[in-house]
Amino acid sequence: MKGTFSSEQEALTKSLELGCNGTHKNMDKWLPCENEKELHKFLNKKGLTRGDNLVSSLAWIFIVSSSLGILWLSIFKTKK
């Protein structure tokens, strides 16, 4: 599963990246942060949830497509 680690050290490194403390174990895998609640709190802060990524992607697509449309219109108008 993504976000789980086979060693505690790997999970601790990810904890430092996220800004949380410690690690916890779920079955035979290590996860960052002291517990699941803390992990999700820090993932949400970093905008790493699936919904946030989708919204960000759609926003960028809109901005880029709008910019290209404006550029195309300005080129088309100057050629007339």
C-alpha atoms as a PDB file:
ATOM      1  CA  MET A   1       0.000   0.000   0.000  1.00  0.00           C
ATOM      2  CA  LYS A   2       1.263   3.489  -0.885  1.00  0.00           C
ATOM      3  CA  GLY A   3       2.517   5.502   2.085  1.00  0.00           C
ATOM      4  CA  THR A   4       3.504   2.480   4.134  1.00  0.00           C
ATOM      5  CA  PHE A   5       7.075   1.463   4.757  1.00  0.00           C
ATOM      6  CA  SER A   6       8.843  -1.760   5.603  1.00  0.00           C
ATOM      7  CA  SER A   7      11.217  -0.022   8.021  1.00  0.00           C
ATOM      8  CA  GLU A   8      10.601   2.392  10.856  1.00  0.00           C
ATOM      9  CA  GLN A   9      13.458   4.608   9.613  1.00  0.00           C
ATOM     10  CA  GLU A  10      11.727   5.149   6.233  1.00  0.00           C
ATOM     11  CA  ALA A  11       8.500   6.101   8.007  1.00  0.00           C
ATOM     12  CA  LEU A  12      10.415   8.457  10.293  1.00  0.00           C
ATOM     13  CA  THR A  13      11.995  10.175   7.282  1.00  0.00           C
ATOM     14  CA  LYS A  14       8.518  10.694   5.803  1.00  0.00           C
ATOM     15  CA  SER A  15       7.335  12.060   9.173  1.00  0.00           C
ATOM     16  CA  LEU A  16      10.014  14.713   8.990  1.00  0.00           C
ATOM     17  CA  GLU A  17       8.957  15.618   5.441  1.00  0.00           C
ATOM     18  CA  LEU A  18       5.328  15.964   6.517  1.00  0.00           C
ATOM     19  CA  GLY A  19       6.181  17.884   9.688  1.00  0.00           C
ATOM     20  CA  CYS A  20       4.745  15.401  12.170  1.00  0.00           C
ATOM     21  CA  ASN A  21       6.473  13.449  14.928  1.00  0.00           C
ATOM     22  CA  GLY A  22       7.127   9.765  15.341  1.00  0.00           C
ATOM     23  CA  THR A  23       5.872   6.666  13.586  1.00  0.00           C
ATOM     24  CA  HIS A  24       3.277   3.992  14.163  1.00  0.00           C
ATOM     25  CA  LYS A  25       2.794   0.447  13.018  1.00  0.00           C
ATOM     26  CA  ASN A  26      -0.208  -0.998  11.210  1.00  0.00           C
ATOM     27  CA  MET A  27       0.020  -4.768  10.920  1.00  0.00           C
ATOM     28  CA  ASP A  28       3.520  -5.370   9.544  1.00  0.00           C
ATOM     29  CA  LYS A  29       4.032  -1.914   7.952  1.00  0.00           C
ATOM     30  CA  TRP A  30       5.325   1.366   9.371  1.00  0.00           C
ATOM     31  CA  LEU A  31       3.550   4.684   8.814  1.00  0.00           C
ATOM     32  CA  PRO A  32       4.602   8.275   9.519  1.00  0.00           C
ATOM     33  CA  CYS A  33       3.227  10.290  12.483  1.00  0.00           C
ATOM     34  CA  GLU A  34       2.288   9.021  15.934  1.00  0.00           C
ATOM     35  CA  ASN A  35      -1.129   7.679  14.818  1.00  0.00           C
ATOM     36  CA  GLU A  36      -3.605   7.614  11.917  1.00  0.00           C
ATOM     37  CA  LYS A  37      -5.425  10.748  13.081  1.00  0.00           C
ATOM     38  CA  GLU A  38      -2.203  12.762  13.127  1.00  0.00           C
ATOM     39  CA  LEU A  39      -1.126  11.335   9.770  1.00  0.00           C
ATOM     40  CA  HIS A  40      -4.347  12.432   8.077  1.00  0.00           C
ATOM     41  CA  LYS A  41      -4.159  15.851   9.730  1.00  0.00           C
ATOM     42  CA  PHE A  42      -0.692  16.445   8.257  1.00  0.00           C
ATOM     43  CA  LEU A  43      -1.616  14.986   4.858  1.00  0.00           C
ATOM     44  CA  ASN A  44      -4.565  17.378   4.664  1.00  0.00           C
ATOM     45  CA  LYS A  45      -2.319  20.309   5.643  1.00  0.00           C
ATOM     46  CA  LYS A  46       0.066  19.474   2.834  1.00  0.00           C
ATOM     47  CA  GLY A  47      -2.795  19.151   0.335  1.00  0.00           C
ATOM     48  CA  LEU A  48      -1.968  15.549  -0.334  1.00  0.00           C
ATOM     49  CA  THR A  49      -5.448  14.124  -0.319  1.00  0.00           C
ATOM     50  CA  ARG A  50      -6.893  12.809  -3.573  1.00  0.00           C
ATOM     51  CA  GLY A  51      -9.602  15.479  -3.668  1.00  0.00           C
ATOM     52  CA  ASP A  52      -7.116  18.317  -3.252  1.00  0.00           C
ATOM     53  CA  ASN A  53      -4.931  16.968  -6.038  1.00  0.00           C
ATOM     54  CA  LEU A  54      -7.924  16.684  -8.358  1.00  0.00           C
ATOM     55  CA  VAL A  55      -9.080  20.232  -7.620  1.00  0.00           C
ATOM     56  CA  SER A  56      -5.555  21.576  -8.119  1.00  0.00           C
ATOM     57  CA  SER A  57      -5.192  19.707 -11.408  1.00  0.00           C
ATOM     58  CA  LEU A  58      -8.525  20.966 -12.712  1.00  0.00           C
ATOM     59  CA  ALA A  59      -7.661  24.529 -11.702  1.00  0.00           C
ATOM     60  CA  TRP A  60      -4.346  24.361 -13.578  1.00  0.00           C
ATOM     61  CA  ILE A  61      -6.053  22.909 -16.655  1.00  0.00           C
ATOM     62  CA  PHE A  62      -8.548  25.768 -16.592  1.00  0.00           C
ATOM     63  CA  ILE A  63      -5.830  28.421 -16.187  1.00  0.00           C
ATOM     64  CA  VAL A  64      -3.662  26.992 -18.963  1.00  0.00           C
ATOM     65  CA  SER A  65      -6.552  26.509 -21.384  1.00  0.00           C
ATOM     66  CA  SER A  66      -7.833  30.031 -20.695  1.00  0.00           C
ATOM     67  CA  SER A  67      -4.375  31.480 -21.264  1.00  0.00           C
ATOM     68  CA  LEU A  68      -3.999  29.589 -24.543  1.00  0.00           C
ATOM     69  CA  GLY A  69      -7.424  30.811 -25.649  1.00  0.00           C
ATOM     70  CA  ILE A  70      -6.522  34.424 -24.911  1.00  0.00           C
ATOM     71  CA  LEU A  71      -3.184  34.017 -26.707  1.00  0.00           C
ATOM     72  CA  TRP A  72      -4.916  32.489 -29.734  1.00  0.00           C
ATOM     73  CA  LEU A  73      -7.456  35.336 -29.852  1.00  0.00           C
ATOM     74  CA  SER A  74      -4.746  38.005 -29.645  1.00  0.00           C
ATOM     75  CA  ILE A  75      -2.775  36.366 -32.486  1.00  0.00           C
ATOM     76  CA  PHE A  76      -5.904  35.909 -34.598  1.00  0.00           C
ATOM     77  CA  LYS A  77      -6.976  39.559 -34.132  1.00  0.00           C
ATOM     78  CA  THR A  78      -3.539  40.953 -35.048  1.00  0.00           C
ATOM     79  CA  LYS A  79      -3.424  38.946 -38.292  1.00  0.00           C
ATOM     80  CA  LYS A  80      -6.695  40.435 -39.623  1.00  0.00           C
END
